Amino acid sequence: MALPDTIPVKISSEAAGYISLTAVVARQMPVRELVETMLAVTGPDHERIRELLRRGSIVSGASRFRWTGFEAAAGDIATLVASLPAADPARPFVPNACTRAVLRGPGVRIEIPREVAERKRLLRRGTFWELLMDVAGGTPPRYVEYSYGERADRYSAELAPGPAARIAEGAGLLRYSGVEAQLRRTTLDSVDFLVPR
C-alpha cells in the first residue's frame, strides 16, 4: 500500500495517572510528520518504522499517538526518510539561525529559548543571548547531530572555566530570577545550540 498523505491520529498524554483523565485529540496528521516523530525514537531504521506503521501506535515524549495500522511498502518508507533532513557534519554553525541554547553541568540541564534570552532587563545594555553568542564565537561549537525530536541540528561547545564564569556572571541579564539563581549556583561544563532546519 502506498503511503497516504495524511492519516487520522489520536494523540493522548502518557503522563495521565489512574485518577486523572486527559483529553484525546484527534487530527489528520501528515504521514511525513508522523514518521519524523518515529525517527526521534527509532532513528533511520526503515524496518522499525514499517513495524510501527503496521502496529498503529508510538509513544514519543509525554504523548501517545494511535492510528489504524496499515502495511507500507519498504521502498515508500525509504523514499520518505531520504526526503527528510539528516545529520550533516559539514553544516557550519550559524548564530543568527540558532533558536535555543541548552546549558549543561553535572546533573543539570537548563534550556533557554532565544526569545527569553533576548529580553532586556531594565537598565541593562546587553542581553543574555548576546553573551551566549559571544561565548560561542570564542569557542566555536562542533556539530553533534541532527535531532529528529527537536527537528534541529545540535552543536555543542565545551566551556572552559573562564567562559563558564562569564555566563554565570551574566545570568543577571535574564529577566527570570529562578533561571538566574540556577545558573549562578551551577558549574557549567558545556552549552548546546539548536538550529532548526
C-alpha atoms as a PDB file:
ATOM      1  CA  MET A   1       0.000   0.000   0.000  1.00  0.00           C
ATOM      2  CA  ALA A   2       1.324   3.445  -0.917  1.00  0.00           C
ATOM      3  CA  LEU A   3       1.791   5.884   1.922  1.00  0.00           C
ATOM      4  CA  PRO A   4      -1.204   8.214   2.294  1.00  0.00           C
ATOM      5  CA  ASP A   5      -0.611  11.969   2.602  1.00  0.00           C
ATOM      6  CA  THR A   6      -2.442  12.151   5.937  1.00  0.00           C
ATOM      7  CA  ILE A   7      -3.976   9.711   8.399  1.00  0.00           C
ATOM      8  CA  PRO A   8      -6.354  10.172  11.335  1.00  0.00           C
ATOM      9  CA  VAL A   9      -4.303  10.045  14.545  1.00  0.00           C
ATOM     10  CA  LYS A  10      -5.446  10.144  18.167  1.00  0.00           C
ATOM     11  CA  ILE A  11      -2.989  11.863  20.490  1.00  0.00           C
ATOM     12  CA  SER A  12      -3.171  11.435  24.258  1.00  0.00           C
ATOM     13  CA  SER A  13      -0.904  12.156  27.198  1.00  0.00           C
ATOM     14  CA  GLU A  14       1.174   9.366  28.663  1.00  0.00           C
ATOM     15  CA  ALA A  15       1.562  11.461  31.823  1.00  0.00           C
ATOM     16  CA  ALA A  16      -2.020  10.693  32.856  1.00  0.00           C
ATOM     17  CA  GLY A  17      -2.363   8.776  36.103  1.00  0.00           C
ATOM     18  CA  TYR A  18      -5.116   6.368  37.076  1.00  0.00           C
ATOM     19  CA  ILE A  19      -7.005   9.162  38.851  1.00  0.00           C
ATOM     20  CA  SER A  20      -6.716  11.979  36.329  1.00  0.00           C
ATOM     21  CA  LEU A  21      -8.170  11.924  32.844  1.00  0.00           C
ATOM     22  CA  THR A  22      -6.662  13.705  29.887  1.00  0.00           C
ATOM     23  CA  ALA A  23      -8.277  14.692  26.655  1.00  0.00           C
ATOM     24  CA  VAL A  24      -7.651  12.736  23.483  1.00  0.00           C
ATOM     25  CA  VAL A  25      -7.026  14.922  20.472  1.00  0.00           C
ATOM     26  CA  ALA A  26      -7.965  13.539  17.069  1.00  0.00           C
ATOM     27  CA  ARG A  27      -6.426  15.129  13.999  1.00  0.00           C
ATOM     28  CA  GLN A  28      -5.473  14.459  10.423  1.00  0.00           C
ATOM     29  CA  MET A  29      -1.705  14.185  10.662  1.00  0.00           C
ATOM     30  CA  PRO A  30       0.615  14.304   7.663  1.00  0.00           C
ATOM     31  CA  VAL A  31       2.413  10.951   7.355  1.00  0.00           C
ATOM     32  CA  ARG A  32       5.659  12.892   6.964  1.00  0.00           C
ATOM     33  CA  GLU A  33       5.158  14.478  10.409  1.00  0.00           C
ATOM     34  CA  LEU A  34       4.257  11.115  11.957  1.00  0.00           C
ATOM     35  CA  VAL A  35       7.387   9.483  10.510  1.00  0.00           C
ATOM     36  CA  GLU A  36       9.512  12.384  11.825  1.00  0.00           C
ATOM     37  CA  THR A  37       8.057  11.660  15.272  1.00  0.00           C
ATOM     38  CA  MET A  38       9.018   7.993  14.830  1.00  0.00           C
ATOM     39  CA  LEU A  39      12.552   8.888  13.757  1.00  0.00           C
ATOM     40  CA  ALA A  40      13.094  10.603  17.130  1.00  0.00           C
ATOM     41  CA  VAL A  41      12.541   7.173  18.703  1.00  0.00           C
ATOM     42  CA  THR A  42      13.855   4.741  16.077  1.00  0.00           C
ATOM     43  CA  GLY A  43      16.479   6.671  14.156  1.00  0.00           C
ATOM     44  CA  PRO A  44      16.510   5.982  10.395  1.00  0.00           C
ATOM     45  CA  ASP A  45      15.647   2.296  10.829  1.00  0.00           C
ATOM     46  CA  HIS A  46      13.222   1.640   7.952  1.00  0.00           C
ATOM     47  CA  GLU A  47      12.084  -1.751   9.222  1.00  0.00           C
ATOM     48  CA  ARG A  48      11.195  -0.395  12.682  1.00  0.00           C
ATOM     49  CA  ILE A  49       9.240   2.460  11.069  1.00  0.00           C
ATOM     50  CA  ARG A  50       7.403  -0.060   8.903  1.00  0.00           C
ATOM     51  CA  GLU A  51       6.566  -2.136  12.001  1.00  0.00           C
ATOM     52  CA  LEU A  52       5.287   0.941  13.883  1.00  0.00           C
ATOM     53  CA  LEU A  53       3.055   1.929  10.951  1.00  0.00           C
ATOM     54  CA  ARG A  54       1.683  -1.624  10.920  1.00  0.00           C
ATOM     55  CA  ARG A  55       1.163  -1.663  14.701  1.00  0.00           C
ATOM     56  CA  GLY A  56      -0.534   1.753  14.766  1.00  0.00           C
ATOM     57  CA  SER A  57       0.949   3.160  17.959  1.00  0.00           C
ATOM     58  CA  ILE A  58       4.013   5.011  19.257  1.00  0.00           C
ATOM     59  CA  VAL A  59       4.923   6.862  22.436  1.00  0.00           C
ATOM     60  CA  SER A  60       7.128   9.904  21.958  1.00  0.00           C
ATOM     61  CA  GLY A  61       7.947  12.076  24.940  1.00  0.00           C
ATOM     62  CA  ALA A  62       4.794  12.500  27.005  1.00  0.00           C
ATOM     63  CA  SER A  63       2.432  11.736  24.106  1.00  0.00           C
ATOM     64  CA  ARG A  64       0.934   8.538  22.706  1.00  0.00           C
ATOM     65  CA  PHE A  65      -0.009   8.517  19.021  1.00  0.00           C
ATOM     66  CA  ARG A  66      -2.552   5.914  17.796  1.00  0.00           C
ATOM     67  CA  TRP A  67      -3.952   5.226  14.326  1.00  0.00           C
ATOM     68  CA  THR A  68      -5.353   2.322  12.372  1.00  0.00           C
ATOM     69  CA  GLY A  69      -2.277   0.335  11.448  1.00  0.00           C
ATOM     70  CA  PHE A  70      -1.510  -0.340   7.804  1.00  0.00           C
ATOM     71  CA  GLU A  71       1.069  -2.116   5.692  1.00  0.00           C
ATOM     72  CA  ALA A  72       3.552   0.200   3.966  1.00  0.00           C
ATOM     73  CA  ALA A  73       5.994  -0.702   1.206  1.00  0.00           C
ATOM     74  CA  ALA A  74       9.641  -0.656   2.255  1.00  0.00           C
ATOM     75  CA  GLY A  75      10.534   1.459  -0.803  1.00  0.00           C
ATOM     76  CA  ASP A  76       7.957   4.121   0.086  1.00  0.00           C
ATOM     77  CA  ILE A  77       9.348   4.374   3.610  1.00  0.00           C
ATOM     78  CA  ALA A  78      12.921   4.599   2.306  1.00  0.00           C
ATOM     79  CA  THR A  79      11.914   7.371  -0.120  1.00  0.00           C
ATOM     80  CA  LEU A  80      10.121   9.338   2.616  1.00  0.00           C
ATOM     81  CA  VAL A  81      13.001   9.004   5.097  1.00  0.00           C
ATOM     82  CA  ALA A  82      15.504  10.046   2.407  1.00  0.00           C
ATOM     83  CA  SER A  83      13.485  13.243   1.819  1.00  0.00           C
ATOM     84  CA  LEU A  84      13.750  14.256   5.489  1.00  0.00           C
ATOM     85  CA  PRO A  85      16.706  16.129   6.986  1.00  0.00           C
ATOM     86  CA  ALA A  86      19.609  14.025   8.211  1.00  0.00           C
ATOM     87  CA  ALA A  87      22.857  14.619  10.067  1.00  0.00           C
ATOM     88  CA  ASP A  88      25.296  16.783   8.119  1.00  0.00           C
ATOM     89  CA  PRO A  89      28.589  17.404   9.978  1.00  0.00           C
ATOM     90  CA  ALA A  90      29.682  19.810   7.219  1.00  0.00           C
ATOM     91  CA  ARG A  91      26.946  22.312   8.176  1.00  0.00           C
ATOM     92  CA  PRO A  92      28.578  25.336   9.803  1.00  0.00           C
ATOM     93  CA  PHE A  93      27.088  26.841  12.954  1.00  0.00           C
ATOM     94  CA  VAL A  94      25.062  29.952  12.042  1.00  0.00           C
ATOM     95  CA  PRO A  95      24.454  32.002  15.224  1.00  0.00           C
ATOM     96  CA  ASN A  96      21.609  34.050  13.676  1.00  0.00           C
ATOM     97  CA  ALA A  97      19.650  30.855  12.926  1.00  0.00           C
ATOM     98  CA  CYS A  98      20.008  29.443  16.455  1.00  0.00           C
ATOM     99  CA  THR A  99      16.739  29.389  18.434  1.00  0.00           C
ATOM    100  CA  ARG A 100      17.656  27.645  21.701  1.00  0.00           C
ATOM    101  CA  ALA A 101      20.604  27.060  23.971  1.00  0.00           C
ATOM    102  CA  VAL A 102      20.909  24.244  26.484  1.00  0.00           C
ATOM    103  CA  LEU A 103      23.385  24.888  29.289  1.00  0.00           C
ATOM    104  CA  ARG A 104      24.736  21.743  30.939  1.00  0.00           C
ATOM    105  CA  GLY A 105      26.560  20.919  34.125  1.00  0.00           C
ATOM    106  CA  PRO A 106      26.838  17.839  36.339  1.00  0.00           C
ATOM    107  CA  GLY A 107      23.242  16.565  36.567  1.00  0.00           C
ATOM    108  CA  VAL A 108      21.849  19.885  35.293  1.00  0.00           C
ATOM    109  CA  ARG A 109      20.186  20.831  32.014  1.00  0.00           C
ATOM    110  CA  ILE A 110      18.920  24.417  31.595  1.00  0.00           C
ATOM    111  CA  GLU A 111      17.115  25.113  28.323  1.00  0.00           C
ATOM    112  CA  ILE A 112      16.865  28.766  27.323  1.00  0.00           C
ATOM    113  CA  PRO A 113      14.836  29.796  24.250  1.00  0.00           C
ATOM    114  CA  ARG A 114      16.221  32.683  22.248  1.00  0.00           C
ATOM    115  CA  GLU A 115      13.116  34.853  22.757  1.00  0.00           C
ATOM    116  CA  VAL A 116      13.563  34.568  26.540  1.00  0.00           C
ATOM    117  CA  ALA A 117      17.301  35.286  26.475  1.00  0.00           C
ATOM    118  CA  GLU A 118      16.859  38.297  24.133  1.00  0.00           C
ATOM    119  CA  ARG A 119      14.546  40.168  26.508  1.00  0.00           C
ATOM    120  CA  LYS A 120      16.378  43.091  28.043  1.00  0.00           C
ATOM    121  CA  ARG A 121      16.284  43.595  31.743  1.00  0.00           C
ATOM    122  CA  LEU A 122      15.531  47.113  32.923  1.00  0.00           C
ATOM    123  CA  LEU A 123      18.619  49.361  32.854  1.00  0.00           C
ATOM    124  CA  ARG A 124      20.834  46.701  31.242  1.00  0.00           C
ATOM    125  CA  ARG A 125      22.668  47.291  27.998  1.00  0.00           C
ATOM    126  CA  GLY A 126      23.085  43.797  26.633  1.00  0.00           C
ATOM    127  CA  THR A 127      21.079  40.603  26.602  1.00  0.00           C
ATOM    128  CA  PHE A 128      21.903  37.134  27.845  1.00  0.00           C
ATOM    129  CA  TRP A 129      21.561  35.846  24.267  1.00  0.00           C
ATOM    130  CA  GLU A 130      24.267  38.261  23.080  1.00  0.00           C
ATOM    131  CA  LEU A 131      26.517  36.936  25.846  1.00  0.00           C
ATOM    132  CA  LEU A 132      25.887  33.305  24.793  1.00  0.00           C
ATOM    133  CA  MET A 133      26.629  34.097  21.140  1.00  0.00           C
ATOM    134  CA  ASP A 134      29.819  35.905  22.183  1.00  0.00           C
ATOM    135  CA  VAL A 135      30.918  32.832  24.152  1.00  0.00           C
ATOM    136  CA  ALA A 136      30.005  30.638  21.143  1.00  0.00           C
ATOM    137  CA  GLY A 137      32.184  32.851  18.939  1.00  0.00           C
ATOM    138  CA  GLY A 138      35.149  32.365  21.283  1.00  0.00           C
ATOM    139  CA  THR A 139      34.761  28.577  21.365  1.00  0.00           C
ATOM    140  CA  PRO A 140      33.290  27.541  18.016  1.00  0.00           C
ATOM    141  CA  PRO A 141      30.668  24.824  18.611  1.00  0.00           C
ATOM    142  CA  ARG A 142      31.193  21.456  16.954  1.00  0.00           C
ATOM    143  CA  TYR A 143      28.463  19.688  15.038  1.00  0.00           C
ATOM    144  CA  VAL A 144      26.916  16.830  17.069  1.00  0.00           C
ATOM    145  CA  GLU A 145      23.822  15.517  15.274  1.00  0.00           C
ATOM    146  CA  TYR A 146      20.523  16.215  13.612  1.00  0.00           C
ATOM    147  CA  SER A 147      17.895  15.704  16.320  1.00  0.00           C
ATOM    148  CA  TYR A 148      14.630  14.380  14.878  1.00  0.00           C
ATOM    149  CA  GLY A 149      12.899  15.078  18.197  1.00  0.00           C
ATOM    150  CA  GLU A 150      13.954  18.733  18.144  1.00  0.00           C
ATOM    151  CA  ARG A 151      13.833  18.984  14.332  1.00  0.00           C
ATOM    152  CA  ALA A 152      17.120  20.851  14.568  1.00  0.00           C
ATOM    153  CA  ASP A 153      20.856  20.484  14.138  1.00  0.00           C
ATOM    154  CA  ARG A 154      22.623  20.330  17.504  1.00  0.00           C
ATOM    155  CA  TYR A 155      26.019  21.918  18.061  1.00  0.00           C
ATOM    156  CA  SER A 156      27.982  21.767  21.297  1.00  0.00           C
ATOM    157  CA  ALA A 157      30.777  23.798  22.871  1.00  0.00           C
ATOM    158  CA  GLU A 158      32.774  22.723  25.914  1.00  0.00           C
ATOM    159  CA  LEU A 159      33.074  25.532  28.444  1.00  0.00           C
ATOM    160  CA  ALA A 160      36.438  26.325  29.995  1.00  0.00           C
ATOM    161  CA  PRO A 161      36.291  27.888  33.484  1.00  0.00           C
ATOM    162  CA  GLY A 162      36.595  31.444  32.096  1.00  0.00           C
ATOM    163  CA  PRO A 163      33.623  31.336  29.678  1.00  0.00           C
ATOM    164  CA  ALA A 164      31.553  29.346  32.215  1.00  0.00           C
ATOM    165  CA  ALA A 165      32.173  32.070  34.814  1.00  0.00           C
ATOM    166  CA  ARG A 166      31.186  34.769  32.275  1.00  0.00           C
ATOM    167  CA  ILE A 167      27.857  33.001  31.685  1.00  0.00           C
ATOM    168  CA  ALA A 168      27.216  32.668  35.427  1.00  0.00           C
ATOM    169  CA  GLU A 169      28.052  36.359  35.977  1.00  0.00           C
ATOM    170  CA  GLY A 170      25.887  37.339  33.002  1.00  0.00           C
ATOM    171  CA  ALA A 171      22.878  35.494  34.431  1.00  0.00           C
ATOM    172  CA  GLY A 172      21.754  38.855  35.845  1.00  0.00           C
ATOM    173  CA  LEU A 173      20.865  39.851  32.282  1.00  0.00           C
ATOM    174  CA  LEU A 174      17.957  37.380  32.344  1.00  0.00           C
ATOM    175  CA  ARG A 175      14.518  38.641  33.356  1.00  0.00           C
ATOM    176  CA  TYR A 176      13.717  35.413  35.192  1.00  0.00           C
ATOM    177  CA  SER A 177      15.217  35.273  38.676  1.00  0.00           C
ATOM    178  CA  GLY A 178      14.675  31.497  39.024  1.00  0.00           C
ATOM    179  CA  VAL A 179      16.821  30.739  35.967  1.00  0.00           C
ATOM    180  CA  GLU A 180      19.340  33.365  37.084  1.00  0.00           C
ATOM    181  CA  ALA A 181      19.689  31.709  40.508  1.00  0.00           C
ATOM    182  CA  GLN A 182      20.026  28.253  38.937  1.00  0.00           C
ATOM    183  CA  LEU A 183      22.782  29.463  36.592  1.00  0.00           C
ATOM    184  CA  ARG A 184      24.686  31.142  39.415  1.00  0.00           C
ATOM    185  CA  ARG A 185      24.774  28.000  41.574  1.00  0.00           C
ATOM    186  CA  THR A 186      25.605  25.556  38.736  1.00  0.00           C
ATOM    187  CA  THR A 187      29.048  24.655  37.473  1.00  0.00           C
ATOM    188  CA  LEU A 188      28.560  24.704  33.716  1.00  0.00           C
ATOM    189  CA  ASP A 189      30.700  22.488  31.514  1.00  0.00           C
ATOM    190  CA  SER A 190      29.065  22.782  28.069  1.00  0.00           C
ATOM    191  CA  VAL A 191      26.429  24.547  26.039  1.00  0.00           C
ATOM    192  CA  ASP A 192      24.369  23.084  23.167  1.00  0.00           C
ATOM    193  CA  PHE A 193      22.944  25.260  20.409  1.00  0.00           C
ATOM    194  CA  LEU A 194      19.883  24.138  18.433  1.00  0.00           C
ATOM    195  CA  VAL A 195      19.450  25.367  14.860  1.00  0.00           C
ATOM    196  CA  PRO A 196      16.113  24.354  13.258  1.00  0.00           C
ATOM    197  CA  ARG A 197      16.120  23.021   9.728  1.00  0.00           C
END
